[in-house]
Amino acid sequence: MDQPVVPTDLGEFVELELPARPEVVALARLVVGAVAAVEPLFDEARGADLRLAVSEACTNAIQAQLAGREGSDRDAPIVLRCSVKDGKIKLAVQDHGGGFDPKGLPEHPAVTDPARLDFEGGLGIPIIRLLADDLQFQASPGGTTVVMTFGPRVATEQPFL
């Protein structure tokens, strides 16, 4: 199995290899939540954004890997990397699910459109796009690496009139 290439410009980072099983998503959320909690610029709400995004990314990675598509490796670990540098948190989730084309994802109807009810799944990437400041999909050996970058959110104060 090819080893992932770890960039040297990560700053402080944590890397975990997780088995491709749904029950490990909770562990990924805990680790990412702990990383966000020690960053003074990230409030609880922003930490919740990171936990939700990593949950969606890990769930997609596990489903892709267990689907048994051509080129996938069901027994390879899902790799989660969390790095902190320059006031930003970068999360990377690497799977061995055979890869996919993010441009080939179906468009979802607007939330107010009754046709939206026909979509039970497939909302993970749109949710991540809403939460992350930057989202990239990178081909990796036998799969895909989803790289999400998060900066702190600046609270907007509403003046009292």
C-alpha atoms as a PDB file:
ATOM      1  CA  MET A   1       0.000   0.000   0.000  1.00  0.00           C
ATOM      2  CA  ASP A   2       1.330   3.458  -0.906  1.00  0.00           C
ATOM      3  CA  GLN A   3       2.048   5.726   2.030  1.00  0.00           C
ATOM      4  CA  PRO A   4       0.480   9.208   1.910  1.00  0.00           C
ATOM      5  CA  VAL A   5       2.841  12.081   1.323  1.00  0.00           C
ATOM      6  CA  VAL A   6       2.813  14.425   4.314  1.00  0.00           C
ATOM      7  CA  PRO A   7       3.537  18.046   3.367  1.00  0.00           C
ATOM      8  CA  THR A   8       6.360  19.656   5.325  1.00  0.00           C
ATOM      9  CA  ASP A   9       4.567  23.012   5.723  1.00  0.00           C
ATOM     10  CA  LEU A  10       1.759  21.794   7.967  1.00  0.00           C
ATOM     11  CA  GLY A  11       2.777  23.532  11.194  1.00  0.00           C
ATOM     12  CA  GLU A  12       1.476  21.561  14.178  1.00  0.00           C
ATOM     13  CA  PHE A  13      -0.440  18.470  13.100  1.00  0.00           C
ATOM     14  CA  VAL A  14      -2.139  15.265  14.198  1.00  0.00           C
ATOM     15  CA  GLU A  15      -2.508  12.255  11.913  1.00  0.00           C
ATOM     16  CA  LEU A  16      -4.714   9.242  12.541  1.00  0.00           C
ATOM     17  CA  GLU A  17      -5.254   6.053  10.593  1.00  0.00           C
ATOM     18  CA  LEU A  18      -8.820   4.886  11.136  1.00  0.00           C
ATOM     19  CA  PRO A  19     -10.428   1.633  10.035  1.00  0.00           C
ATOM     20  CA  ALA A  20     -13.105   2.098   7.362  1.00  0.00           C
ATOM     21  CA  ARG A  21     -15.999   1.515   9.769  1.00  0.00           C
ATOM     22  CA  PRO A  22     -18.873   3.889  10.523  1.00  0.00           C
ATOM     23  CA  GLU A  23     -18.286   3.833  14.275  1.00  0.00           C
ATOM     24  CA  VAL A  24     -14.934   5.654  13.912  1.00  0.00           C
ATOM     25  CA  VAL A  25     -16.652   8.834  12.705  1.00  0.00           C
ATOM     26  CA  ALA A  26     -17.317   9.755  16.346  1.00  0.00           C
ATOM     27  CA  LEU A  27     -13.584   9.482  17.103  1.00  0.00           C
ATOM     28  CA  ALA A  28     -12.744  11.746  14.152  1.00  0.00           C
ATOM     29  CA  ARG A  29     -15.241  14.322  15.464  1.00  0.00           C
ATOM     30  CA  LEU A  30     -13.682  14.180  18.952  1.00  0.00           C
ATOM     31  CA  VAL A  31     -10.148  14.685  17.661  1.00  0.00           C
ATOM     32  CA  VAL A  32     -11.118  17.590  15.408  1.00  0.00           C
ATOM     33  CA  GLY A  33     -13.191  19.123  18.204  1.00  0.00           C
ATOM     34  CA  ALA A  34     -10.186  18.944  20.542  1.00  0.00           C
ATOM     35  CA  VAL A  35      -7.922  20.591  17.945  1.00  0.00           C
ATOM     36  CA  ALA A  36     -10.434  23.425  17.460  1.00  0.00           C
ATOM     37  CA  ALA A  37     -10.971  23.823  21.223  1.00  0.00           C
ATOM     38  CA  VAL A  38      -7.318  24.641  21.912  1.00  0.00           C
ATOM     39  CA  GLU A  39      -7.170  27.274  19.193  1.00  0.00           C
ATOM     40  CA  PRO A  40      -8.082  30.601  20.839  1.00  0.00           C
ATOM     41  CA  LEU A  41      -9.478  32.126  17.617  1.00  0.00           C
ATOM     42  CA  PHE A  42     -12.015  29.314  17.148  1.00  0.00           C
ATOM     43  CA  ASP A  43     -15.205  29.602  19.166  1.00  0.00           C
ATOM     44  CA  GLU A  44     -17.578  26.736  19.968  1.00  0.00           C
ATOM     45  CA  ALA A  45     -19.762  27.421  16.930  1.00  0.00           C
ATOM     46  CA  ARG A  46     -16.779  27.262  14.579  1.00  0.00           C
ATOM     47  CA  GLY A  47     -15.632  24.073  16.302  1.00  0.00           C
ATOM     48  CA  ALA A  48     -19.072  22.607  15.566  1.00  0.00           C
ATOM     49  CA  ASP A  49     -18.569  23.502  11.877  1.00  0.00           C
ATOM     50  CA  LEU A  50     -15.298  21.558  11.830  1.00  0.00           C
ATOM     51  CA  ARG A  51     -16.829  18.552  13.599  1.00  0.00           C
ATOM     52  CA  LEU A  52     -19.729  18.422  11.131  1.00  0.00           C
ATOM     53  CA  ALA A  53     -17.450  18.807   8.104  1.00  0.00           C
ATOM     54  CA  VAL A  54     -15.079  16.035   9.212  1.00  0.00           C
ATOM     55  CA  SER A  55     -18.043  13.816  10.007  1.00  0.00           C
ATOM     56  CA  GLU A  56     -19.387  14.247   6.467  1.00  0.00           C
ATOM     57  CA  ALA A  57     -15.952  13.756   4.868  1.00  0.00           C
ATOM     58  CA  CYS A  58     -15.217  10.604   6.892  1.00  0.00           C
ATOM     59  CA  THR A  59     -18.669   9.171   6.199  1.00  0.00           C
ATOM     60  CA  ASN A  60     -18.174   9.729   2.455  1.00  0.00           C
ATOM     61  CA  ALA A  61     -14.692   8.162   2.616  1.00  0.00           C
ATOM     62  CA  ILE A  62     -15.948   5.096   4.462  1.00  0.00           C
ATOM     63  CA  GLN A  63     -18.906   4.632   2.112  1.00  0.00           C
ATOM     64  CA  ALA A  64     -16.663   4.973  -0.946  1.00  0.00           C
ATOM     65  CA  GLN A  65     -14.172   2.497   0.392  1.00  0.00           C
ATOM     66  CA  LEU A  66     -16.746  -0.089   1.437  1.00  0.00           C
ATOM     67  CA  ALA A  67     -18.631   0.185  -1.880  1.00  0.00           C
ATOM     68  CA  GLY A  68     -15.991  -2.026  -3.455  1.00  0.00           C
ATOM     69  CA  ARG A  69     -15.499   0.015  -6.622  1.00  0.00           C
ATOM     70  CA  GLU A  70     -12.688  -0.834  -8.983  1.00  0.00           C
ATOM     71  CA  GLY A  71      -9.345   0.239  -7.527  1.00  0.00           C
ATOM     72  CA  SER A  72     -10.619   0.456  -3.954  1.00  0.00           C
ATOM     73  CA  ASP A  73      -9.075  -1.254  -0.931  1.00  0.00           C
ATOM     74  CA  ARG A  74     -11.694  -2.079   1.706  1.00  0.00           C
ATOM     75  CA  ASP A  75      -9.032  -2.955   4.300  1.00  0.00           C
ATOM     76  CA  ALA A  76      -6.877   0.175   3.983  1.00  0.00           C
ATOM     77  CA  PRO A  77      -7.251   2.819   6.696  1.00  0.00           C
ATOM     78  CA  ILE A  78      -8.943   6.163   6.269  1.00  0.00           C
ATOM     79  CA  VAL A  79      -6.271   8.779   7.045  1.00  0.00           C
ATOM     80  CA  LEU A  80      -7.292  11.931   8.931  1.00  0.00           C
ATOM     81  CA  ARG A  81      -4.801  14.804   9.179  1.00  0.00           C
ATOM     82  CA  CYS A  82      -5.462  17.946  11.207  1.00  0.00           C
ATOM     83  CA  SER A  83      -2.990  20.792  11.044  1.00  0.00           C
ATOM     84  CA  VAL A  84      -2.874  24.234  12.614  1.00  0.00           C
ATOM     85  CA  LYS A  85      -0.883  27.010  11.017  1.00  0.00           C
ATOM     86  CA  ASP A  86      -1.227  30.790  10.768  1.00  0.00           C
ATOM     87  CA  GLY A  87      -4.559  30.836  12.621  1.00  0.00           C
ATOM     88  CA  LYS A  88      -6.183  28.300  10.280  1.00  0.00           C
ATOM     89  CA  ILE A  89      -7.094  24.657  10.708  1.00  0.00           C
ATOM     90  CA  LYS A  90      -6.675  22.349   7.741  1.00  0.00           C
ATOM     91  CA  LEU A  91      -8.355  18.948   7.719  1.00  0.00           C
ATOM     92  CA  ALA A  92      -7.525  16.244   5.194  1.00  0.00           C
ATOM     93  CA  VAL A  93      -9.419  12.961   4.857  1.00  0.00           C
ATOM     94  CA  GLN A  94      -7.833  10.377   2.579  1.00  0.00           C
ATOM     95  CA  ASP A  95      -9.643   7.270   1.431  1.00  0.00           C
ATOM     96  CA  HIS A  96      -8.796   4.272  -0.730  1.00  0.00           C
ATOM     97  CA  GLY A  97     -12.215   4.142  -2.385  1.00  0.00           C
ATOM     98  CA  GLY A  98     -11.063   4.110  -6.008  1.00  0.00           C
ATOM     99  CA  GLY A  99     -11.462   7.862  -6.564  1.00  0.00           C
ATOM    100  CA  PHE A 100     -14.292   9.953  -7.985  1.00  0.00           C
ATOM    101  CA  ASP A 101     -14.931  13.064 -10.035  1.00  0.00           C
ATOM    102  CA  PRO A 102     -16.410  15.842  -7.836  1.00  0.00           C
ATOM    103  CA  LYS A 103     -17.644  17.606 -10.990  1.00  0.00           C
ATOM    104  CA  GLY A 104     -19.877  14.599 -11.655  1.00  0.00           C
ATOM    105  CA  LEU A 105     -21.977  15.130  -8.534  1.00  0.00           C
ATOM    106  CA  PRO A 106     -25.658  15.715  -9.221  1.00  0.00           C
ATOM    107  CA  GLU A 107     -27.079  19.191  -8.654  1.00  0.00           C
ATOM    108  CA  HIS A 108     -29.587  19.356  -5.827  1.00  0.00           C
ATOM    109  CA  PRO A 109     -32.809  21.343  -6.140  1.00  0.00           C
ATOM    110  CA  ALA A 110     -33.280  24.373  -3.889  1.00  0.00           C
ATOM    111  CA  VAL A 111     -34.325  23.604  -0.334  1.00  0.00           C
ATOM    112  CA  THR A 112     -37.767  25.070  -1.000  1.00  0.00           C
ATOM    113  CA  ASP A 113     -38.309  22.830  -4.059  1.00  0.00           C
ATOM    114  CA  PRO A 114     -40.436  19.731  -3.248  1.00  0.00           C
ATOM    115  CA  ALA A 115     -38.130  17.713  -5.543  1.00  0.00           C
ATOM    116  CA  ARG A 116     -35.458  18.124  -2.854  1.00  0.00           C
ATOM    117  CA  LEU A 117     -37.293  15.447  -0.874  1.00  0.00           C
ATOM    118  CA  ASP A 118     -36.152  12.912  -3.489  1.00  0.00           C
ATOM    119  CA  PHE A 119     -32.545  13.311  -2.272  1.00  0.00           C
ATOM    120  CA  GLU A 120     -31.933  11.131   0.789  1.00  0.00           C
ATOM    121  CA  GLY A 121     -28.154  11.284   0.569  1.00  0.00           C
ATOM    122  CA  GLY A 122     -25.509  13.180  -1.287  1.00  0.00           C
ATOM    123  CA  LEU A 123     -25.624  16.294   0.867  1.00  0.00           C
ATOM    124  CA  GLY A 124     -22.227  15.813   2.544  1.00  0.00           C
ATOM    125  CA  ILE A 125     -20.134  17.704  -0.006  1.00  0.00           C
ATOM    126  CA  PRO A 126     -22.610  20.613  -0.310  1.00  0.00           C
ATOM    127  CA  ILE A 127     -22.573  20.898   3.501  1.00  0.00           C
ATOM    128  CA  ILE A 128     -18.767  20.879   3.571  1.00  0.00           C
ATOM    129  CA  ARG A 129     -18.709  23.560   0.859  1.00  0.00           C
ATOM    130  CA  LEU A 130     -20.909  25.778   3.045  1.00  0.00           C
ATOM    131  CA  LEU A 131     -18.771  25.310   6.150  1.00  0.00           C
ATOM    132  CA  ALA A 132     -15.184  25.353   4.844  1.00  0.00           C
ATOM    133  CA  ASP A 133     -13.348  28.450   3.664  1.00  0.00           C
ATOM    134  CA  ASP A 134     -11.608  26.328   1.041  1.00  0.00           C
ATOM    135  CA  LEU A 135     -12.318  22.820  -0.248  1.00  0.00           C
ATOM    136  CA  GLN A 136     -10.131  20.766  -2.559  1.00  0.00           C
ATOM    137  CA  PHE A 137     -10.348  17.248  -3.919  1.00  0.00           C
ATOM    138  CA  GLN A 138      -7.000  15.661  -4.675  1.00  0.00           C
ATOM    139  CA  ALA A 139      -6.375  12.334  -6.367  1.00  0.00           C
ATOM    140  CA  SER A 140      -4.384  10.108  -4.033  1.00  0.00           C
ATOM    141  CA  PRO A 141      -3.108   6.534  -4.421  1.00  0.00           C
ATOM    142  CA  GLY A 142      -6.229   4.402  -4.899  1.00  0.00           C
ATOM    143  CA  GLY A 143      -8.646   7.096  -3.837  1.00  0.00           C
ATOM    144  CA  THR A 144      -9.302  10.725  -2.998  1.00  0.00           C
ATOM    145  CA  THR A 145      -8.084  13.179  -0.388  1.00  0.00           C
ATOM    146  CA  VAL A 146     -10.562  15.859   0.661  1.00  0.00           C
ATOM    147  CA  VAL A 147      -8.741  18.925   1.996  1.00  0.00           C
ATOM    148  CA  MET A 148     -10.773  21.469   3.977  1.00  0.00           C
ATOM    149  CA  THR A 149      -9.406  24.740   5.325  1.00  0.00           C
ATOM    150  CA  PHE A 150     -11.118  26.697   8.097  1.00  0.00           C
ATOM    151  CA  GLY A 151     -10.392  30.117   9.496  1.00  0.00           C
ATOM    152  CA  PRO A 152     -12.059  31.569  12.573  1.00  0.00           C
ATOM    153  CA  ARG A 153     -15.389  33.298  12.148  1.00  0.00           C
ATOM    154  CA  VAL A 154     -15.597  36.919  13.171  1.00  0.00           C
ATOM    155  CA  ALA A 155     -18.675  37.566  15.254  1.00  0.00           C
ATOM    156  CA  THR A 156     -20.752  40.378  13.840  1.00  0.00           C
ATOM    157  CA  GLU A 157     -22.197  42.653  16.446  1.00  0.00           C
ATOM    158  CA  GLN A 158     -25.575  44.195  15.855  1.00  0.00           C
ATOM    159  CA  PRO A 159     -25.881  47.654  17.404  1.00  0.00           C
ATOM    160  CA  PHE A 160     -28.748  48.111  19.830  1.00  0.00           C
ATOM    161  CA  LEU A 161     -31.042  50.900  18.726  1.00  0.00           C
END
